[in-house]
Amino acid sequence: MSLIGKELPEFTVQAYQNGKFRAVSRKDVIGKWSIFFFYPADFSFVCPTELEDLQQKYPDIQKAGCEVYAVSCDTHFVHMAWHDSSKRIGSVTYPMLGDPTHVLAEAFEVYIASQGLAERGTFIVNPQGKIAAYEVSAGNVGRNAAELLRKLEACQFVYEHGDQVCPANWKPGEKTLTPGADLVGKL
């Protein structure tokens, strides 16, 4: 079953960001674009490469009016320890959400109960708090933040221009398509 259009539930979790802890809840997400970036665990192998890659695109994602939330089933204390001990993770400035009770991993349907970990899932959430796009990858396959940014920009475009669609590899400023009978069999 698809998660497109699924609304975020009520939640409150603890985040680690820029040397501080803070609560993050559903109300912090509503009204703006968000990316929930689930990863299996802190102090792991593929995860630090992904979080570093995401940090490199974070300024562009912020310019697009979107916040990033990295999420694992570790606690916010473990996020702090990882941040303080890893050069790659030490560069991360976006919020790292602790989800030890699995409220978010279960809501986004990426919780692996037998392992107590989250799948490698990426979710773009629109300002209404609804999932606009998502991808779940095998735990041994890293993601690409540049492609995530492109998908975010495409989701934002069609959210604002509902009569148009973005073709493959579309980037802002490029031509879109307006679905209609005149395009059938012509592409």
C-alpha atoms as a PDB file:
ATOM      1  CA  MET A   1       0.000   0.000   0.000  1.00  0.00           C
ATOM      2  CA  SER A   2       1.298   3.464  -0.883  1.00  0.00           C
ATOM      3  CA  LEU A   3       2.146   6.039   1.763  1.00  0.00           C
ATOM      4  CA  ILE A   4       1.615   8.971  -0.629  1.00  0.00           C
ATOM      5  CA  GLY A   5      -0.821  11.379   1.009  1.00  0.00           C
ATOM      6  CA  LYS A   6      -0.508   9.774   4.458  1.00  0.00           C
ATOM      7  CA  GLU A   7      -0.645  12.401   7.205  1.00  0.00           C
ATOM      8  CA  LEU A   8       1.906  12.582   9.952  1.00  0.00           C
ATOM      9  CA  PRO A   9       0.571  11.514  13.332  1.00  0.00           C
ATOM     10  CA  GLU A  10       0.960  13.529  16.504  1.00  0.00           C
ATOM     11  CA  PHE A  11       4.462  13.004  17.863  1.00  0.00           C
ATOM     12  CA  THR A  12       7.072  14.581  20.092  1.00  0.00           C
ATOM     13  CA  VAL A  13      10.672  13.361  20.056  1.00  0.00           C
ATOM     14  CA  GLN A  14      13.994  14.698  21.258  1.00  0.00           C
ATOM     15  CA  ALA A  15      16.508  16.145  18.809  1.00  0.00           C
ATOM     16  CA  TYR A  16      20.184  16.887  18.958  1.00  0.00           C
ATOM     17  CA  GLN A  17      21.267  19.904  16.921  1.00  0.00           C
ATOM     18  CA  ASN A  18      24.210  22.265  17.164  1.00  0.00           C
ATOM     19  CA  GLY A  19      25.248  21.176  20.645  1.00  0.00           C
ATOM     20  CA  LYS A  20      21.754  21.329  22.148  1.00  0.00           C
ATOM     21  CA  PHE A  21      18.766  19.120  22.824  1.00  0.00           C
ATOM     22  CA  ARG A  22      15.238  20.201  21.951  1.00  0.00           C
ATOM     23  CA  ALA A  23      11.822  18.726  21.424  1.00  0.00           C
ATOM     24  CA  VAL A  24      10.474  18.365  17.876  1.00  0.00           C
ATOM     25  CA  SER A  25       6.783  17.688  17.329  1.00  0.00           C
ATOM     26  CA  ARG A  26       4.248  17.549  14.536  1.00  0.00           C
ATOM     27  CA  LYS A  27       3.479  21.234  15.060  1.00  0.00           C
ATOM     28  CA  ASP A  28       7.097  22.054  14.102  1.00  0.00           C
ATOM     29  CA  VAL A  29       6.591  20.340  10.750  1.00  0.00           C
ATOM     30  CA  ILE A  30       3.164  21.646   9.704  1.00  0.00           C
ATOM     31  CA  GLY A  31       3.277  24.699   7.452  1.00  0.00           C
ATOM     32  CA  LYS A  32       6.640  23.985   5.832  1.00  0.00           C
ATOM     33  CA  TRP A  33       8.371  21.379   3.719  1.00  0.00           C
ATOM     34  CA  SER A  34      10.241  18.645   5.575  1.00  0.00           C
ATOM     35  CA  ILE A  35      12.471  15.703   4.782  1.00  0.00           C
ATOM     36  CA  PHE A  36      12.532  12.764   7.190  1.00  0.00           C
ATOM     37  CA  PHE A  37      15.743  10.863   6.526  1.00  0.00           C
ATOM     38  CA  PHE A  38      15.669   7.514   8.351  1.00  0.00           C
ATOM     39  CA  TYR A  39      18.848   5.512   8.739  1.00  0.00           C
ATOM     40  CA  PRO A  40      19.528   2.251  10.610  1.00  0.00           C
ATOM     41  CA  ALA A  41      21.902   3.310  13.386  1.00  0.00           C
ATOM     42  CA  ASP A  42      24.536   5.690  14.687  1.00  0.00           C
ATOM     43  CA  PHE A  43      28.145   4.439  14.758  1.00  0.00           C
ATOM     44  CA  SER A  44      27.570   2.391  11.610  1.00  0.00           C
ATOM     45  CA  PHE A  45      29.056   2.201   8.124  1.00  0.00           C
ATOM     46  CA  VAL A  46      26.967   3.561   5.235  1.00  0.00           C
ATOM     47  CA  CYS A  47      25.051   5.990   7.473  1.00  0.00           C
ATOM     48  CA  PRO A  48      27.872   8.485   8.108  1.00  0.00           C
ATOM     49  CA  THR A  49      28.554   8.782   4.377  1.00  0.00           C
ATOM     50  CA  GLU A  50      24.879   9.562   3.766  1.00  0.00           C
ATOM     51  CA  LEU A  51      24.540  12.084   6.573  1.00  0.00           C
ATOM     52  CA  GLU A  52      27.694  13.863   5.403  1.00  0.00           C
ATOM     53  CA  ASP A  53      26.380  13.944   1.816  1.00  0.00           C
ATOM     54  CA  LEU A  54      23.063  15.308   3.093  1.00  0.00           C
ATOM     55  CA  GLN A  55      24.917  18.003   5.083  1.00  0.00           C
ATOM     56  CA  GLN A  56      26.652  19.141   1.898  1.00  0.00           C
ATOM     57  CA  LYS A  57      23.225  19.748   0.275  1.00  0.00           C
ATOM     58  CA  TYR A  58      21.603  21.093   3.465  1.00  0.00           C
ATOM     59  CA  PRO A  59      22.129  24.790   2.578  1.00  0.00           C
ATOM     60  CA  ASP A  60      20.405  24.209  -0.784  1.00  0.00           C
ATOM     61  CA  ILE A  61      17.580  22.301   0.895  1.00  0.00           C
ATOM     62  CA  GLN A  62      17.134  25.153   3.376  1.00  0.00           C
ATOM     63  CA  LYS A  63      17.090  27.672   0.475  1.00  0.00           C
ATOM     64  CA  ALA A  64      14.222  25.605  -0.928  1.00  0.00           C
ATOM     65  CA  GLY A  65      12.300  26.280   2.303  1.00  0.00           C
ATOM     66  CA  CYS A  66      12.672  22.780   3.708  1.00  0.00           C
ATOM     67  CA  GLU A  67      13.971  21.344   6.974  1.00  0.00           C
ATOM     68  CA  VAL A  68      15.811  18.030   7.217  1.00  0.00           C
ATOM     69  CA  TYR A  69      15.245  15.613  10.094  1.00  0.00           C
ATOM     70  CA  ALA A  70      17.680  12.697  10.297  1.00  0.00           C
ATOM     71  CA  VAL A  71      16.048   9.886  12.280  1.00  0.00           C
ATOM     72  CA  SER A  72      17.291   6.666  13.829  1.00  0.00           C
ATOM     73  CA  CYS A  73      15.991   4.544  16.683  1.00  0.00           C
ATOM     74  CA  ASP A  74      18.947   5.681  18.797  1.00  0.00           C
ATOM     75  CA  THR A  75      18.465   8.305  21.512  1.00  0.00           C
ATOM     76  CA  HIS A  76      19.370  11.963  21.199  1.00  0.00           C
ATOM     77  CA  PHE A  77      22.207  11.261  23.668  1.00  0.00           C
ATOM     78  CA  VAL A  78      23.705   8.724  21.261  1.00  0.00           C
ATOM     79  CA  HIS A  79      23.372  11.292  18.455  1.00  0.00           C
ATOM     80  CA  MET A  80      25.381  13.737  20.569  1.00  0.00           C
ATOM     81  CA  ALA A  81      28.085  11.151  21.273  1.00  0.00           C
ATOM     82  CA  TRP A  82      28.324  10.260  17.571  1.00  0.00           C
ATOM     83  CA  HIS A  83      28.433  13.940  16.601  1.00  0.00           C
ATOM     84  CA  ASP A  84      31.226  14.559  19.102  1.00  0.00           C
ATOM     85  CA  SER A  85      33.331  11.563  18.037  1.00  0.00           C
ATOM     86  CA  SER A  86      33.020  11.481  14.232  1.00  0.00           C
ATOM     87  CA  LYS A  87      34.485  14.054  11.865  1.00  0.00           C
ATOM     88  CA  ARG A  88      31.792  13.347   9.266  1.00  0.00           C
ATOM     89  CA  ILE A  89      28.900  13.520  11.698  1.00  0.00           C
ATOM     90  CA  GLY A  90      30.521  16.446  13.494  1.00  0.00           C
ATOM     91  CA  SER A  91      29.791  18.528  10.376  1.00  0.00           C
ATOM     92  CA  VAL A  92      26.025  17.862  10.596  1.00  0.00           C
ATOM     93  CA  THR A  93      23.963  20.943  11.479  1.00  0.00           C
ATOM     94  CA  TYR A  94      20.426  19.705  10.760  1.00  0.00           C
ATOM     95  CA  PRO A  95      18.349  18.125  13.577  1.00  0.00           C
ATOM     96  CA  MET A  96      19.060  14.492  14.432  1.00  0.00           C
ATOM     97  CA  LEU A  97      15.904  12.988  15.931  1.00  0.00           C
ATOM     98  CA  GLY A  98      16.043  10.233  18.519  1.00  0.00           C
ATOM     99  CA  ASP A  99      13.283   7.667  18.053  1.00  0.00           C
ATOM    100  CA  PRO A 100      13.928   5.011  20.735  1.00  0.00           C
ATOM    101  CA  THR A 101      10.188   4.310  21.130  1.00  0.00           C
ATOM    102  CA  HIS A 102       9.858   3.894  17.330  1.00  0.00           C
ATOM    103  CA  VAL A 103       6.943   6.323  17.075  1.00  0.00           C
ATOM    104  CA  LEU A 104       8.294   7.831  13.852  1.00  0.00           C
ATOM    105  CA  ALA A 105       9.752   4.648  12.361  1.00  0.00           C
ATOM    106  CA  GLU A 106       6.397   2.926  12.836  1.00  0.00           C
ATOM    107  CA  ALA A 107       4.388   5.888  11.503  1.00  0.00           C
ATOM    108  CA  PHE A 108       6.507   5.969   8.340  1.00  0.00           C
ATOM    109  CA  GLU A 109       6.394   2.146   8.186  1.00  0.00           C
ATOM    110  CA  VAL A 110      10.181   1.660   8.198  1.00  0.00           C
ATOM    111  CA  TYR A 111      10.608  -0.001  11.596  1.00  0.00           C
ATOM    112  CA  ILE A 112      12.311  -3.426  11.558  1.00  0.00           C
ATOM    113  CA  ALA A 113      11.004  -4.906  14.821  1.00  0.00           C
ATOM    114  CA  SER A 114      13.282  -7.953  14.734  1.00  0.00           C
ATOM    115  CA  GLN A 115      16.347  -5.686  14.699  1.00  0.00           C
ATOM    116  CA  GLY A 116      15.115  -2.614  16.576  1.00  0.00           C
ATOM    117  CA  LEU A 117      16.303  -0.491  13.649  1.00  0.00           C
ATOM    118  CA  ALA A 118      14.807   1.673  10.904  1.00  0.00           C
ATOM    119  CA  GLU A 119      15.039   0.937   7.196  1.00  0.00           C
ATOM    120  CA  ARG A 120      16.932   3.418   5.044  1.00  0.00           C
ATOM    121  CA  GLY A 121      13.852   5.524   4.178  1.00  0.00           C
ATOM    122  CA  THR A 122      13.560   9.049   2.797  1.00  0.00           C
ATOM    123  CA  PHE A 123      10.275  10.947   2.995  1.00  0.00           C
ATOM    124  CA  ILE A 124       9.388  14.367   1.587  1.00  0.00           C
ATOM    125  CA  VAL A 125       6.495  15.858   3.565  1.00  0.00           C
ATOM    126  CA  ASN A 126       4.483  18.813   2.258  1.00  0.00           C
ATOM    127  CA  PRO A 127       3.317  21.786   4.363  1.00  0.00           C
ATOM    128  CA  GLN A 128       0.013  20.016   5.088  1.00  0.00           C
ATOM    129  CA  GLY A 129       1.953  17.266   6.850  1.00  0.00           C
ATOM    130  CA  LYS A 130       1.332  14.715   4.097  1.00  0.00           C
ATOM    131  CA  ILE A 131       3.895  12.459   2.446  1.00  0.00           C
ATOM    132  CA  ALA A 132       4.519  13.744  -1.093  1.00  0.00           C
ATOM    133  CA  ALA A 133       7.326  11.356  -2.074  1.00  0.00           C
ATOM    134  CA  TYR A 134       9.318   8.566  -0.500  1.00  0.00           C
ATOM    135  CA  GLU A 135      11.950   5.959  -1.163  1.00  0.00           C
ATOM    136  CA  VAL A 136      13.063   2.984   0.918  1.00  0.00           C
ATOM    137  CA  SER A 137      16.399   1.362   0.114  1.00  0.00           C
ATOM    138  CA  ALA A 138      18.189  -1.763   1.257  1.00  0.00           C
ATOM    139  CA  GLY A 139      20.344  -1.184   4.319  1.00  0.00           C
ATOM    140  CA  ASN A 140      23.532  -1.721   2.346  1.00  0.00           C
ATOM    141  CA  VAL A 141      22.770   0.887  -0.370  1.00  0.00           C
ATOM    142  CA  GLY A 142      23.491   4.575   0.285  1.00  0.00           C
ATOM    143  CA  ARG A 143      21.354   7.436  -1.019  1.00  0.00           C
ATOM    144  CA  ASN A 144      22.161  10.553  -3.056  1.00  0.00           C
ATOM    145  CA  ALA A 145      21.358  13.982  -1.545  1.00  0.00           C
ATOM    146  CA  ALA A 146      21.564  15.749  -4.929  1.00  0.00           C
ATOM    147  CA  GLU A 147      18.753  13.552  -6.253  1.00  0.00           C
ATOM    148  CA  LEU A 148      16.780  14.118  -3.051  1.00  0.00           C
ATOM    149  CA  LEU A 149      17.045  17.888  -3.584  1.00  0.00           C
ATOM    150  CA  ARG A 150      15.863  17.479  -7.187  1.00  0.00           C
ATOM    151  CA  LYS A 151      12.857  15.442  -6.025  1.00  0.00           C
ATOM    152  CA  LEU A 152      12.053  18.037  -3.357  1.00  0.00           C
ATOM    153  CA  GLU A 153      12.106  20.831  -5.937  1.00  0.00           C
ATOM    154  CA  ALA A 154       9.869  18.804  -8.277  1.00  0.00           C
ATOM    155  CA  CYS A 155       7.419  18.073  -5.434  1.00  0.00           C
ATOM    156  CA  GLN A 156       7.313  21.764  -4.562  1.00  0.00           C
ATOM    157  CA  PHE A 157       6.730  22.724  -8.194  1.00  0.00           C
ATOM    158  CA  VAL A 158       3.776  20.391  -8.719  1.00  0.00           C
ATOM    159  CA  TYR A 159       2.371  21.344  -5.292  1.00  0.00           C
ATOM    160  CA  GLU A 160       2.195  24.949  -6.517  1.00  0.00           C
ATOM    161  CA  HIS A 161       1.358  24.166 -10.178  1.00  0.00           C
ATOM    162  CA  GLY A 162      -1.047  21.235  -9.965  1.00  0.00           C
ATOM    163  CA  ASP A 163      -1.875  21.338 -13.674  1.00  0.00           C
ATOM    164  CA  GLN A 164       1.728  20.538 -14.630  1.00  0.00           C
ATOM    165  CA  VAL A 165       3.996  17.534 -14.120  1.00  0.00           C
ATOM    166  CA  CYS A 166       7.784  17.196 -14.034  1.00  0.00           C
ATOM    167  CA  PRO A 167       9.416  14.766 -16.475  1.00  0.00           C
ATOM    168  CA  ALA A 168      12.420  12.598 -15.652  1.00  0.00           C
ATOM    169  CA  ASN A 169      15.530  14.507 -14.580  1.00  0.00           C
ATOM    170  CA  TRP A 170      13.555  17.777 -14.385  1.00  0.00           C
ATOM    171  CA  LYS A 171      15.284  20.657 -12.606  1.00  0.00           C
ATOM    172  CA  PRO A 172      13.901  24.096 -11.695  1.00  0.00           C
ATOM    173  CA  GLY A 173      13.624  26.346 -14.729  1.00  0.00           C
ATOM    174  CA  GLU A 174      13.293  23.463 -17.173  1.00  0.00           C
ATOM    175  CA  LYS A 175      10.193  22.700 -19.197  1.00  0.00           C
ATOM    176  CA  THR A 176       7.348  20.835 -17.548  1.00  0.00           C
ATOM    177  CA  LEU A 177       4.423  19.023 -19.116  1.00  0.00           C
ATOM    178  CA  THR A 178       0.712  19.789 -18.971  1.00  0.00           C
ATOM    179  CA  PRO A 179      -1.159  16.471 -19.182  1.00  0.00           C
ATOM    180  CA  GLY A 180      -3.799  16.307 -21.883  1.00  0.00           C
ATOM    181  CA  ALA A 181      -5.013  14.440 -24.918  1.00  0.00           C
ATOM    182  CA  ASP A 182      -2.624  16.426 -27.130  1.00  0.00           C
ATOM    183  CA  LEU A 183       0.352  14.649 -25.482  1.00  0.00           C
ATOM    184  CA  VAL A 184      -0.974  11.101 -25.716  1.00  0.00           C
ATOM    185  CA  GLY A 185       1.365   9.074 -27.920  1.00  0.00           C
ATOM    186  CA  LYS A 186       3.514  12.134 -28.698  1.00  0.00           C
ATOM    187  CA  LEU A 187       6.203  11.738 -26.022  1.00  0.00           C
END
